[in-house]
Amino acid sequence: MDDDQLRFKLELEFVQCLANPQYLQFIAQSQYFEDPAFINYLKYLLYWKEPKYAQYIIFPYCLEMLELLQHEDFRKMVASQDIVKFIHQKEYYHWESYRKQNTIEPISKLQDAS
């Protein structure tokens, strides 16, 4: 694996970790958000929103979190357990709804076809 492939894999993994609210809280509480170099890195990672890179994302919610992390207020708020719990609930209900839509709809199509 060459350096570019390794960098791609590492950045992909890191960006996807941003979908985890507990990980965001860890980063906030570890004061990484106080480091201007880290903030610049988050800004640099916005290239993952481009379709040619986004196609590799398994957890698309991470891109929304990456966008929110561009804002200082959000970076401060994510240190709070209440905010982390709120984000986790929003993610859970999003996926629950998504799963229902994508399981119920195909079943109804099968019933219509018979």
PDB file of N, CA and C in Angstrom:
ATOM      1  N   MET A   1       0.864  -1.181   0.000  1.00  0.00           N
ATOM      2  CA  MET A   1       0.000   0.000   0.000  1.00  0.00           C
ATOM      3  C   MET A   1       0.905   1.238   0.000  1.00  0.00           C
ATOM      4  N   ASP A   2       0.654   2.123  -0.943  1.00  0.00           N
ATOM      5  CA  ASP A   2       1.485   3.330  -0.999  1.00  0.00           C
ATOM      6  C   ASP A   2       0.955   4.391  -0.028  1.00  0.00           C
ATOM      7  N   ASP A   3       1.695   5.473   0.108  1.00  0.00           N
ATOM      8  CA  ASP A   3       1.357   6.524   1.071  1.00  0.00           C
ATOM      9  C   ASP A   3      -0.010   7.155   0.806  1.00  0.00           C
ATOM     10  N   ASP A   4      -0.344   7.361  -0.472  1.00  0.00           N
ATOM     11  CA  ASP A   4      -1.639   7.969  -0.807  1.00  0.00           C
ATOM     12  C   ASP A   4      -2.813   7.068  -0.416  1.00  0.00           C
ATOM     13  N   GLN A   5      -2.665   5.770  -0.645  1.00  0.00           N
ATOM     14  CA  GLN A   5      -3.725   4.827  -0.272  1.00  0.00           C
ATOM     15  C   GLN A   5      -3.895   4.780   1.246  1.00  0.00           C
ATOM     16  N   LEU A   6      -2.780   4.777   1.946  1.00  0.00           N
ATOM     17  CA  LEU A   6      -2.833   4.756   3.407  1.00  0.00           C
ATOM     18  C   LEU A   6      -3.503   6.017   3.934  1.00  0.00           C
ATOM     19  N   ARG A   7      -3.128   7.145   3.394  1.00  0.00           N
ATOM     20  CA  ARG A   7      -3.738   8.420   3.815  1.00  0.00           C
ATOM     21  C   ARG A   7      -5.241   8.404   3.546  1.00  0.00           C
ATOM     22  N   PHE A   8      -5.626   7.913   2.364  1.00  0.00           N
ATOM     23  CA  PHE A   8      -7.042   7.822   2.013  1.00  0.00           C
ATOM     24  C   PHE A   8      -7.798   6.982   3.041  1.00  0.00           C
ATOM     25  N   LYS A   9      -7.271   5.817   3.359  1.00  0.00           N
ATOM     26  CA  LYS A   9      -7.934   4.918   4.315  1.00  0.00           C
ATOM     27  C   LYS A   9      -8.018   5.528   5.707  1.00  0.00           C
ATOM     28  N   LEU A  10      -6.936   6.157   6.150  1.00  0.00           N
ATOM     29  CA  LEU A  10      -6.929   6.763   7.484  1.00  0.00           C
ATOM     30  C   LEU A  10      -7.911   7.927   7.578  1.00  0.00           C
ATOM     31  N   GLU A  11      -7.943   8.762   6.552  1.00  0.00           N
ATOM     32  CA  GLU A  11      -8.872   9.892   6.567  1.00  0.00           C
ATOM     33  C   GLU A  11     -10.316   9.421   6.457  1.00  0.00           C
ATOM     34  N   LEU A  12     -10.560   8.403   5.646  1.00  0.00           N
ATOM     35  CA  LEU A  12     -11.908   7.835   5.536  1.00  0.00           C
ATOM     36  C   LEU A  12     -12.377   7.299   6.888  1.00  0.00           C
ATOM     37  N   GLU A  13     -11.510   6.561   7.556  1.00  0.00           N
ATOM     38  CA  GLU A  13     -11.862   6.014   8.865  1.00  0.00           C
ATOM     39  C   GLU A  13     -12.129   7.127   9.880  1.00  0.00           C
ATOM     40  N   PHE A  14     -11.271   8.135   9.891  1.00  0.00           N
ATOM     41  CA  PHE A  14     -11.458   9.227  10.840  1.00  0.00           C
ATOM     42  C   PHE A  14     -12.765   9.972  10.581  1.00  0.00           C
ATOM     43  N   VAL A  15     -13.027  10.312   9.323  1.00  0.00           N
ATOM     44  CA  VAL A  15     -14.255  11.044   8.990  1.00  0.00           C
ATOM     45  C   VAL A  15     -15.477  10.240   9.429  1.00  0.00           C
ATOM     46  N   GLN A  16     -15.462   8.939   9.207  1.00  0.00           N
ATOM     47  CA  GLN A  16     -16.614   8.123   9.589  1.00  0.00           C
ATOM     48  C   GLN A  16     -16.769   8.015  11.110  1.00  0.00           C
ATOM     49  N   CYS A  17     -15.686   8.117  11.819  1.00  0.00           N
ATOM     50  CA  CYS A  17     -15.767   8.118  13.290  1.00  0.00           C
ATOM     51  C   CYS A  17     -16.532   9.335  13.806  1.00  0.00           C
ATOM     52  N   LEU A  18     -16.585  10.387  12.999  1.00  0.00           N
ATOM     53  CA  LEU A  18     -17.288  11.599  13.416  1.00  0.00           C
ATOM     54  C   LEU A  18     -18.797  11.388  13.527  1.00  0.00           C
ATOM     55  N   ALA A  19     -19.303  10.285  13.009  1.00  0.00           N
ATOM     56  CA  ALA A  19     -20.726   9.971  13.154  1.00  0.00           C
ATOM     57  C   ALA A  19     -21.046   9.491  14.570  1.00  0.00           C
ATOM     58  N   ASN A  20     -20.028   9.189  15.349  1.00  0.00           N
ATOM     59  CA  ASN A  20     -20.213   8.680  16.707  1.00  0.00           C
ATOM     60  C   ASN A  20     -20.202   9.850  17.700  1.00  0.00           C
ATOM     61  N   PRO A  21     -21.364  10.167  18.296  1.00  0.00           N
ATOM     62  CA  PRO A  21     -21.424  11.320  19.206  1.00  0.00           C
ATOM     63  C   PRO A  21     -20.501  11.178  20.423  1.00  0.00           C
ATOM     64  N   GLN A  22     -20.309   9.950  20.897  1.00  0.00           N
ATOM     65  CA  GLN A  22     -19.412   9.753  22.038  1.00  0.00           C
ATOM     66  C   GLN A  22     -17.966  10.068  21.651  1.00  0.00           C
ATOM     67  N   TYR A  23     -17.613   9.762  20.418  1.00  0.00           N
ATOM     68  CA  TYR A  23     -16.268  10.092  19.945  1.00  0.00           C
ATOM     69  C   TYR A  23     -16.098  11.610  19.851  1.00  0.00           C
ATOM     70  N   LEU A  24     -17.130  12.294  19.382  1.00  0.00           N
ATOM     71  CA  LEU A  24     -17.074  13.755  19.320  1.00  0.00           C
ATOM     72  C   LEU A  24     -16.896  14.345  20.709  1.00  0.00           C
ATOM     73  N   GLN A  25     -17.599  13.769  21.678  1.00  0.00           N
ATOM     74  CA  GLN A  25     -17.466  14.245  23.052  1.00  0.00           C
ATOM     75  C   GLN A  25     -16.044  14.009  23.565  1.00  0.00           C
ATOM     76  N   PHE A  26     -15.485  12.855  23.248  1.00  0.00           N
ATOM     77  CA  PHE A  26     -14.105  12.551  23.652  1.00  0.00           C
ATOM     78  C   PHE A  26     -13.138  13.589  23.069  1.00  0.00           C
ATOM     79  N   ILE A  27     -13.304  13.892  21.784  1.00  0.00           N
ATOM     80  CA  ILE A  27     -12.438  14.884  21.137  1.00  0.00           C
ATOM     81  C   ILE A  27     -12.584  16.245  21.828  1.00  0.00           C
ATOM     82  N   ALA A  28     -13.833  16.613  22.121  1.00  0.00           N
ATOM     83  CA  ALA A  28     -14.083  17.909  22.775  1.00  0.00           C
ATOM     84  C   ALA A  28     -13.463  17.949  24.168  1.00  0.00           C
ATOM     85  N   GLN A  29     -13.696  16.898  24.937  1.00  0.00           N
ATOM     86  CA  GLN A  29     -13.194  16.866  26.313  1.00  0.00           C
ATOM     87  C   GLN A  29     -11.671  16.739  26.367  1.00  0.00           C
ATOM     88  N   SER A  30     -11.076  16.195  25.300  1.00  0.00           N
ATOM     89  CA  SER A  30      -9.612  16.101  25.219  1.00  0.00           C
ATOM     90  C   SER A  30      -8.997  17.394  24.694  1.00  0.00           C
ATOM     91  N   GLN A  31      -9.842  18.375  24.424  1.00  0.00           N
ATOM     92  CA  GLN A  31      -9.454  19.726  24.017  1.00  0.00           C
ATOM     93  C   GLN A  31      -8.774  19.793  22.643  1.00  0.00           C
ATOM     94  N   TYR A  32      -9.056  18.839  21.790  1.00  0.00           N
ATOM     95  CA  TYR A  32      -8.545  18.917  20.418  1.00  0.00           C
ATOM     96  C   TYR A  32      -9.150  20.112  19.679  1.00  0.00           C
ATOM     97  N   PHE A  33     -10.380  20.464  20.042  1.00  0.00           N
ATOM     98  CA  PHE A  33     -11.042  21.587  19.385  1.00  0.00           C
ATOM     99  C   PHE A  33     -10.431  22.938  19.762  1.00  0.00           C
ATOM    100  N   GLU A  34      -9.495  22.931  20.695  1.00  0.00           N
ATOM    101  CA  GLU A  34      -8.783  24.152  21.070  1.00  0.00           C
ATOM    102  C   GLU A  34      -7.542  24.358  20.192  1.00  0.00           C
ATOM    103  N   ASP A  35      -7.187  23.349  19.424  1.00  0.00           N
ATOM    104  CA  ASP A  35      -5.976  23.386  18.605  1.00  0.00           C
ATOM    105  C   ASP A  35      -6.311  23.893  17.198  1.00  0.00           C
ATOM    106  N   PRO A  36      -5.790  25.068  16.814  1.00  0.00           N
ATOM    107  CA  PRO A  36      -6.073  25.614  15.477  1.00  0.00           C
ATOM    108  C   PRO A  36      -5.680  24.660  14.340  1.00  0.00           C
ATOM    109  N   ALA A  37      -4.639  23.884  14.527  1.00  0.00           N
ATOM    110  CA  ALA A  37      -4.221  22.926  13.491  1.00  0.00           C
ATOM    111  C   ALA A  37      -5.286  21.850  13.298  1.00  0.00           C
ATOM    112  N   PHE A  38      -5.897  21.424  14.392  1.00  0.00           N
ATOM    113  CA  PHE A  38      -6.958  20.410  14.300  1.00  0.00           C
ATOM    114  C   PHE A  38      -8.188  20.997  13.608  1.00  0.00           C
ATOM    115  N   ILE A  39      -8.512  22.237  13.912  1.00  0.00           N
ATOM    116  CA  ILE A  39      -9.652  22.908  13.272  1.00  0.00           C
ATOM    117  C   ILE A  39      -9.393  23.031  11.769  1.00  0.00           C
ATOM    118  N   ASN A  40      -8.167  23.368  11.396  1.00  0.00           N
ATOM    119  CA  ASN A  40      -7.808  23.430   9.977  1.00  0.00           C
ATOM    120  C   ASN A  40      -7.923  22.055   9.314  1.00  0.00           C
ATOM    121  N   TYR A  41      -7.550  21.022  10.046  1.00  0.00           N
ATOM    122  CA  TYR A  41      -7.670  19.651   9.521  1.00  0.00           C
ATOM    123  C   TYR A  41      -9.140  19.309   9.251  1.00  0.00           C
ATOM    124  N   LEU A  42     -10.017  19.692  10.177  1.00  0.00           N
ATOM    125  CA  LEU A  42     -11.448  19.450   9.969  1.00  0.00           C
ATOM    126  C   LEU A  42     -11.952  20.189   8.724  1.00  0.00           C
ATOM    127  N   LYS A  43     -11.448  21.378   8.526  1.00  0.00           N
ATOM    128  CA  LYS A  43     -11.838  22.151   7.338  1.00  0.00           C
ATOM    129  C   LYS A  43     -11.328  21.461   6.069  1.00  0.00           C
ATOM    130  N   TYR A  44     -10.097  21.006   6.111  1.00  0.00           N
ATOM    131  CA  TYR A  44      -9.505  20.278   4.985  1.00  0.00           C
ATOM    132  C   TYR A  44     -10.342  19.041   4.625  1.00  0.00           C
ATOM    133  N   LEU A  45     -10.855  18.357   5.642  1.00  0.00           N
ATOM    134  CA  LEU A  45     -11.595  17.110   5.411  1.00  0.00           C
ATOM    135  C   LEU A  45     -12.948  17.306   4.726  1.00  0.00           C
ATOM    136  N   LEU A  46     -13.355  18.531   4.543  1.00  0.00           N
ATOM    137  CA  LEU A  46     -14.628  18.787   3.851  1.00  0.00           C
ATOM    138  C   LEU A  46     -14.630  18.258   2.417  1.00  0.00           C
ATOM    139  N   TYR A  47     -13.472  17.944   1.889  1.00  0.00           N
ATOM    140  CA  TYR A  47     -13.434  17.382   0.527  1.00  0.00           C
ATOM    141  C   TYR A  47     -14.200  16.054   0.456  1.00  0.00           C
ATOM    142  N   TRP A  48     -14.415  15.410   1.603  1.00  0.00           N
ATOM    143  CA  TRP A  48     -15.174  14.149   1.619  1.00  0.00           C
ATOM    144  C   TRP A  48     -16.627  14.340   1.211  1.00  0.00           C
ATOM    145  N   LYS A  49     -17.102  15.559   1.207  1.00  0.00           N
ATOM    146  CA  LYS A  49     -18.476  15.825   0.790  1.00  0.00           C
ATOM    147  C   LYS A  49     -18.633  15.789  -0.733  1.00  0.00           C
ATOM    148  N   GLU A  50     -17.524  15.848  -1.448  1.00  0.00           N
ATOM    149  CA  GLU A  50     -17.574  15.762  -2.909  1.00  0.00           C
ATOM    150  C   GLU A  50     -17.986  14.343  -3.308  1.00  0.00           C
ATOM    151  N   PRO A  51     -18.865  14.216  -4.316  1.00  0.00           N
ATOM    152  CA  PRO A  51     -19.380  12.889  -4.695  1.00  0.00           C
ATOM    153  C   PRO A  51     -18.312  11.835  -4.977  1.00  0.00           C
ATOM    154  N   LYS A  52     -17.191  12.230  -5.580  1.00  0.00           N
ATOM    155  CA  LYS A  52     -16.177  11.211  -5.903  1.00  0.00           C
ATOM    156  C   LYS A  52     -15.530  10.608  -4.652  1.00  0.00           C
ATOM    157  N   TYR A  53     -15.630  11.302  -3.522  1.00  0.00           N
ATOM    158  CA  TYR A  53     -15.125  10.768  -2.253  1.00  0.00           C
ATOM    159  C   TYR A  53     -16.274  10.242  -1.382  1.00  0.00           C
ATOM    160  N   ALA A  54     -17.380  10.929  -1.394  1.00  0.00           N
ATOM    161  CA  ALA A  54     -18.524  10.558  -0.554  1.00  0.00           C
ATOM    162  C   ALA A  54     -19.035   9.153  -0.872  1.00  0.00           C
ATOM    163  N   GLN A  55     -18.796   8.673  -2.079  1.00  0.00           N
ATOM    164  CA  GLN A  55     -19.259   7.338  -2.446  1.00  0.00           C
ATOM    165  C   GLN A  55     -18.634   6.242  -1.571  1.00  0.00           C
ATOM    166  N   TYR A  56     -17.536   6.545  -0.912  1.00  0.00           N
ATOM    167  CA  TYR A  56     -16.864   5.563  -0.056  1.00  0.00           C
ATOM    168  C   TYR A  56     -17.364   5.597   1.390  1.00  0.00           C
ATOM    169  N   ILE A  57     -18.173   6.578   1.702  1.00  0.00           N
ATOM    170  CA  ILE A  57     -18.677   6.750   3.062  1.00  0.00           C
ATOM    171  C   ILE A  57     -19.779   5.726   3.338  1.00  0.00           C
ATOM    172  N   ILE A  58     -19.649   5.022   4.441  1.00  0.00           N
ATOM    173  CA  ILE A  58     -20.666   4.040   4.848  1.00  0.00           C
ATOM    174  C   ILE A  58     -21.671   4.681   5.787  1.00  0.00           C
ATOM    175  N   PHE A  59     -21.223   5.613   6.603  1.00  0.00           N
ATOM    176  CA  PHE A  59     -22.072   6.293   7.579  1.00  0.00           C
ATOM    177  C   PHE A  59     -22.229   7.755   7.168  1.00  0.00           C
ATOM    178  N   PRO A  60     -23.192   8.069   6.297  1.00  0.00           N
ATOM    179  CA  PRO A  60     -23.297   9.429   5.760  1.00  0.00           C
ATOM    180  C   PRO A  60     -23.544  10.508   6.805  1.00  0.00           C
ATOM    181  N   TYR A  61     -24.039  10.112   7.974  1.00  0.00           N
ATOM    182  CA  TYR A  61     -24.260  11.092   9.039  1.00  0.00           C
ATOM    183  C   TYR A  61     -22.957  11.779   9.443  1.00  0.00           C
ATOM    184  N   CYS A  62     -21.840  11.111   9.199  1.00  0.00           N
ATOM    185  CA  CYS A  62     -20.538  11.698   9.551  1.00  0.00           C
ATOM    186  C   CYS A  62     -20.290  12.989   8.780  1.00  0.00           C
ATOM    187  N   LEU A  63     -20.819  13.086   7.573  1.00  0.00           N
ATOM    188  CA  LEU A  63     -20.612  14.298   6.782  1.00  0.00           C
ATOM    189  C   LEU A  63     -21.375  15.478   7.377  1.00  0.00           C
ATOM    190  N   GLU A  64     -22.529  15.201   7.943  1.00  0.00           N
ATOM    191  CA  GLU A  64     -23.287  16.266   8.625  1.00  0.00           C
ATOM    192  C   GLU A  64     -22.529  16.715   9.868  1.00  0.00           C
ATOM    193  N   MET A  65     -21.978  15.752  10.604  1.00  0.00           N
ATOM    194  CA  MET A  65     -21.199  16.103  11.801  1.00  0.00           C
ATOM    195  C   MET A  65     -19.951  16.889  11.414  1.00  0.00           C
ATOM    196  N   LEU A  66     -19.303  16.493  10.324  1.00  0.00           N
ATOM    197  CA  LEU A  66     -18.130  17.227   9.848  1.00  0.00           C
ATOM    198  C   LEU A  66     -18.507  18.669   9.524  1.00  0.00           C
ATOM    199  N   GLU A  67     -19.650  18.852   8.914  1.00  0.00           N
ATOM    200  CA  GLU A  67     -20.117  20.207   8.594  1.00  0.00           C
ATOM    201  C   GLU A  67     -20.395  20.997   9.878  1.00  0.00           C
ATOM    202  N   LEU A  68     -21.057  20.374  10.834  1.00  0.00           N
ATOM    203  CA  LEU A  68     -21.363  21.052  12.103  1.00  0.00           C
ATOM    204  C   LEU A  68     -20.091  21.403  12.876  1.00  0.00           C
ATOM    205  N   LEU A  69     -19.078  20.565  12.757  1.00  0.00           N
ATOM    206  CA  LEU A  69     -17.818  20.819  13.468  1.00  0.00           C
ATOM    207  C   LEU A  69     -17.059  22.027  12.924  1.00  0.00           C
ATOM    208  N   GLN A  70     -17.506  22.569  11.824  1.00  0.00           N
ATOM    209  CA  GLN A  70     -16.894  23.784  11.287  1.00  0.00           C
ATOM    210  C   GLN A  70     -17.293  25.006  12.117  1.00  0.00           C
ATOM    211  N   HIS A  71     -18.281  24.824  12.997  1.00  0.00           N
ATOM    212  CA  HIS A  71     -18.820  25.924  13.802  1.00  0.00           C
ATOM    213  C   HIS A  71     -18.348  25.806  15.254  1.00  0.00           C
ATOM    214  N   GLU A  72     -17.762  26.868  15.740  1.00  0.00           N
ATOM    215  CA  GLU A  72     -17.213  26.873  17.099  1.00  0.00           C
ATOM    216  C   GLU A  72     -18.272  26.563  18.154  1.00  0.00           C
ATOM    217  N   ASP A  73     -19.470  27.103  17.988  1.00  0.00           N
ATOM    218  CA  ASP A  73     -20.534  26.851  18.971  1.00  0.00           C
ATOM    219  C   ASP A  73     -20.835  25.363  19.089  1.00  0.00           C
ATOM    220  N   PHE A  74     -20.906  24.681  17.959  1.00  0.00           N
ATOM    221  CA  PHE A  74     -21.173  23.236  17.998  1.00  0.00           C
ATOM    222  C   PHE A  74     -20.022  22.489  18.662  1.00  0.00           C
ATOM    223  N   ARG A  75     -18.801  22.878  18.346  1.00  0.00           N
ATOM    224  CA  ARG A  75     -17.638  22.215  18.959  1.00  0.00           C
ATOM    225  C   ARG A  75     -17.665  22.354  20.471  1.00  0.00           C
ATOM    226  N   LYS A  76     -18.136  23.481  20.967  1.00  0.00           N
ATOM    227  CA  LYS A  76     -18.239  23.670  22.422  1.00  0.00           C
ATOM    228  C   LYS A  76     -19.388  22.840  22.999  1.00  0.00           C
ATOM    229  N   MET A  77     -20.499  22.831  22.296  1.00  0.00           N
ATOM    230  CA  MET A  77     -21.693  22.131  22.798  1.00  0.00           C
ATOM    231  C   MET A  77     -21.493  20.622  22.880  1.00  0.00           C
ATOM    232  N   VAL A  78     -20.708  20.060  21.974  1.00  0.00           N
ATOM    233  CA  VAL A  78     -20.590  18.608  21.903  1.00  0.00           C
ATOM    234  C   VAL A  78     -19.837  18.010  23.102  1.00  0.00           C
ATOM    235  N   ALA A  79     -19.273  18.839  23.934  1.00  0.00           N
ATOM    236  CA  ALA A  79     -18.645  18.350  25.166  1.00  0.00           C
ATOM    237  C   ALA A  79     -19.703  17.958  26.200  1.00  0.00           C
ATOM    238  N   SER A  80     -20.911  18.417  26.012  1.00  0.00           N
ATOM    239  CA  SER A  80     -22.001  18.175  26.957  1.00  0.00           C
ATOM    240  C   SER A  80     -22.632  16.799  26.754  1.00  0.00           C
ATOM    241  N   GLN A  81     -22.827  16.084  27.838  1.00  0.00           N
ATOM    242  CA  GLN A  81     -23.470  14.769  27.769  1.00  0.00           C
ATOM    243  C   GLN A  81     -24.899  14.889  27.239  1.00  0.00           C
ATOM    244  N   ASP A  82     -25.601  15.955  27.586  1.00  0.00           N
ATOM    245  CA  ASP A  82     -26.975  16.140  27.104  1.00  0.00           C
ATOM    246  C   ASP A  82     -27.011  16.286  25.581  1.00  0.00           C
ATOM    247  N   ILE A  83     -26.075  17.017  25.034  1.00  0.00           N
ATOM    248  CA  ILE A  83     -26.012  17.197  23.576  1.00  0.00           C
ATOM    249  C   ILE A  83     -25.660  15.874  22.903  1.00  0.00           C
ATOM    250  N   VAL A  84     -24.716  15.153  23.476  1.00  0.00           N
ATOM    251  CA  VAL A  84     -24.322  13.857  22.919  1.00  0.00           C
ATOM    252  C   VAL A  84     -25.515  12.905  22.915  1.00  0.00           C
ATOM    253  N   LYS A  85     -26.261  12.903  23.996  1.00  0.00           N
ATOM    254  CA  LYS A  85     -27.454  12.046  24.078  1.00  0.00           C
ATOM    255  C   LYS A  85     -28.484  12.466  23.024  1.00  0.00           C
ATOM    256  N   PHE A  86     -28.675  13.762  22.841  1.00  0.00           N
ATOM    257  CA  PHE A  86     -29.616  14.277  21.851  1.00  0.00           C
ATOM    258  C   PHE A  86     -29.202  13.847  20.440  1.00  0.00           C
ATOM    259  N   ILE A  87     -27.916  14.001  20.111  1.00  0.00           N
ATOM    260  CA  ILE A  87     -27.416  13.608  18.784  1.00  0.00           C
ATOM    261  C   ILE A  87     -27.604  12.111  18.582  1.00  0.00           C
ATOM    262  N   HIS A  88     -27.275  11.344  19.597  1.00  0.00           N
ATOM    263  CA  HIS A  88     -27.431   9.886  19.508  1.00  0.00           C
ATOM    264  C   HIS A  88     -28.887   9.513  19.233  1.00  0.00           C
ATOM    265  N   GLN A  89     -29.819  10.149  19.931  1.00  0.00           N
ATOM    266  CA  GLN A  89     -31.235   9.871  19.712  1.00  0.00           C
ATOM    267  C   GLN A  89     -31.657  10.237  18.294  1.00  0.00           C
ATOM    268  N   LYS A  90     -31.203  11.376  17.809  1.00  0.00           N
ATOM    269  CA  LYS A  90     -31.542  11.797  16.445  1.00  0.00           C
ATOM    270  C   LYS A  90     -31.014  10.791  15.424  1.00  0.00           C
ATOM    271  N   GLU A  91     -29.791  10.336  15.609  1.00  0.00           N
ATOM    272  CA  GLU A  91     -29.227   9.332  14.703  1.00  0.00           C
ATOM    273  C   GLU A  91     -30.034   8.039  14.764  1.00  0.00           C
ATOM    274  N   TYR A  92     -30.350   7.608  15.977  1.00  0.00           N
ATOM    275  CA  TYR A  92     -31.094   6.359  16.153  1.00  0.00           C
ATOM    276  C   TYR A  92     -32.441   6.435  15.436  1.00  0.00           C
ATOM    277  N   TYR A  93     -33.189   7.495  15.670  1.00  0.00           N
ATOM    278  CA  TYR A  93     -34.515   7.607  15.061  1.00  0.00           C
ATOM    279  C   TYR A  93     -34.429   7.784  13.548  1.00  0.00           C
ATOM    280  N   HIS A  94     -33.383   8.424  13.083  1.00  0.00           N
ATOM    281  CA  HIS A  94     -33.189   8.531  11.637  1.00  0.00           C
ATOM    282  C   HIS A  94     -33.019   7.136  11.032  1.00  0.00           C
ATOM    283  N   TRP A  95     -32.125   6.344  11.617  1.00  0.00           N
ATOM    284  CA  TRP A  95     -31.867   5.009  11.066  1.00  0.00           C
ATOM    285  C   TRP A  95     -33.065   4.091  11.256  1.00  0.00           C
ATOM    286  N   GLU A  96     -33.776   4.238  12.343  1.00  0.00           N
ATOM    287  CA  GLU A  96     -34.971   3.418  12.558  1.00  0.00           C
ATOM    288  C   GLU A  96     -35.998   3.710  11.464  1.00  0.00           C
ATOM    289  N   SER A  97     -36.215   4.977  11.188  1.00  0.00           N
ATOM    290  CA  SER A  97     -37.153   5.387  10.144  1.00  0.00           C
ATOM    291  C   SER A  97     -36.670   4.919   8.772  1.00  0.00           C
ATOM    292  N   TYR A  98     -35.396   5.079   8.505  1.00  0.00           N
ATOM    293  CA  TYR A  98     -34.820   4.670   7.230  1.00  0.00           C
ATOM    294  C   TYR A  98     -35.004   3.165   7.027  1.00  0.00           C
ATOM    295  N   ARG A  99     -34.724   2.403   8.074  1.00  0.00           N
ATOM    296  CA  ARG A  99     -34.830   0.944   7.996  1.00  0.00           C
ATOM    297  C   ARG A  99     -36.263   0.527   7.714  1.00  0.00           C
ATOM    298  N   LYS A 100     -37.213   1.160   8.401  1.00  0.00           N
ATOM    299  CA  LYS A 100     -38.623   0.833   8.180  1.00  0.00           C
ATOM    300  C   LYS A 100     -39.039   1.141   6.751  1.00  0.00           C
ATOM    301  N   GLN A 101     -38.641   2.288   6.242  1.00  0.00           N
ATOM    302  CA  GLN A 101     -38.986   2.671   4.870  1.00  0.00           C
ATOM    303  C   GLN A 101     -38.422   1.681   3.865  1.00  0.00           C
ATOM    304  N   ASN A 102     -37.217   1.236   4.108  1.00  0.00           N
ATOM    305  CA  ASN A 102     -36.551   0.358   3.143  1.00  0.00           C
ATOM    306  C   ASN A 102     -36.874  -1.113   3.326  1.00  0.00           C
ATOM    307  N   THR A 103     -37.622  -1.471   4.359  1.00  0.00           N
ATOM    308  CA  THR A 103     -38.069  -2.855   4.498  1.00  0.00           C
ATOM    309  C   THR A 103     -39.544  -2.972   4.167  1.00  0.00           C
ATOM    310  N   ILE A 104     -40.325  -2.015   4.600  1.00  0.00           N
ATOM    311  CA  ILE A 104     -41.765  -2.079   4.363  1.00  0.00           C
ATOM    312  C   ILE A 104     -42.090  -1.849   2.889  1.00  0.00           C
ATOM    313  N   GLU A 105     -41.433  -0.896   2.279  1.00  0.00           N
ATOM    314  CA  GLU A 105     -41.723  -0.578   0.877  1.00  0.00           C
ATOM    315  C   GLU A 105     -41.482  -1.774  -0.041  1.00  0.00           C
ATOM    316  N   PRO A 106     -40.332  -2.460   0.034  1.00  0.00           N
ATOM    317  CA  PRO A 106     -40.136  -3.620  -0.843  1.00  0.00           C
ATOM    318  C   PRO A 106     -41.181  -4.717  -0.592  1.00  0.00           C
ATOM    319  N   ILE A 107     -41.593  -4.918   0.647  1.00  0.00           N
ATOM    320  CA  ILE A 107     -42.611  -5.929   0.948  1.00  0.00           C
ATOM    321  C   ILE A 107     -43.924  -5.567   0.284  1.00  0.00           C
ATOM    322  N   SER A 108     -44.310  -4.301   0.352  1.00  0.00           N
ATOM    323  CA  SER A 108     -45.568  -3.892  -0.269  1.00  0.00           C
ATOM    324  C   SER A 108     -45.483  -4.021  -1.798  1.00  0.00           C
ATOM    325  N   LYS A 109     -44.316  -3.792  -2.370  1.00  0.00           N
ATOM    326  CA  LYS A 109     -44.153  -3.982  -3.818  1.00  0.00           C
ATOM    327  C   LYS A 109     -44.319  -5.444  -4.211  1.00  0.00           C
ATOM    328  N   LEU A 110     -43.811  -6.327  -3.361  1.00  0.00           N
ATOM    329  CA  LEU A 110     -43.964  -7.757  -3.619  1.00  0.00           C
ATOM    330  C   LEU A 110     -45.441  -8.161  -3.555  1.00  0.00           C
ATOM    331  N   GLN A 111     -46.169  -7.609  -2.588  1.00  0.00           N
ATOM    332  CA  GLN A 111     -47.590  -7.934  -2.449  1.00  0.00           C
ATOM    333  C   GLN A 111     -48.379  -7.404  -3.631  1.00  0.00           C
ATOM    334  N   ASP A 112     -48.020  -6.219  -4.128  1.00  0.00           N
ATOM    335  CA  ASP A 112     -48.695  -5.644  -5.285  1.00  0.00           C
ATOM    336  C   ASP A 112     -48.443  -6.461  -6.548  1.00  0.00           C
ATOM    337  N   ALA A 113     -47.268  -7.065  -6.629  1.00  0.00           N
ATOM    338  CA  ALA A 113     -46.898  -7.828  -7.822  1.00  0.00           C
ATOM    339  C   ALA A 113     -47.622  -9.165  -7.904  1.00  0.00           C
ATOM    340  N   SER A 114     -48.107  -9.668  -6.778  1.00  0.00           N
ATOM    341  CA  SER A 114     -48.743 -10.997  -6.780  1.00  0.00           C
ATOM    342  C   SER A 114     -50.210 -10.941  -7.104  1.00  0.00           C
TER     343      SER A 114
END
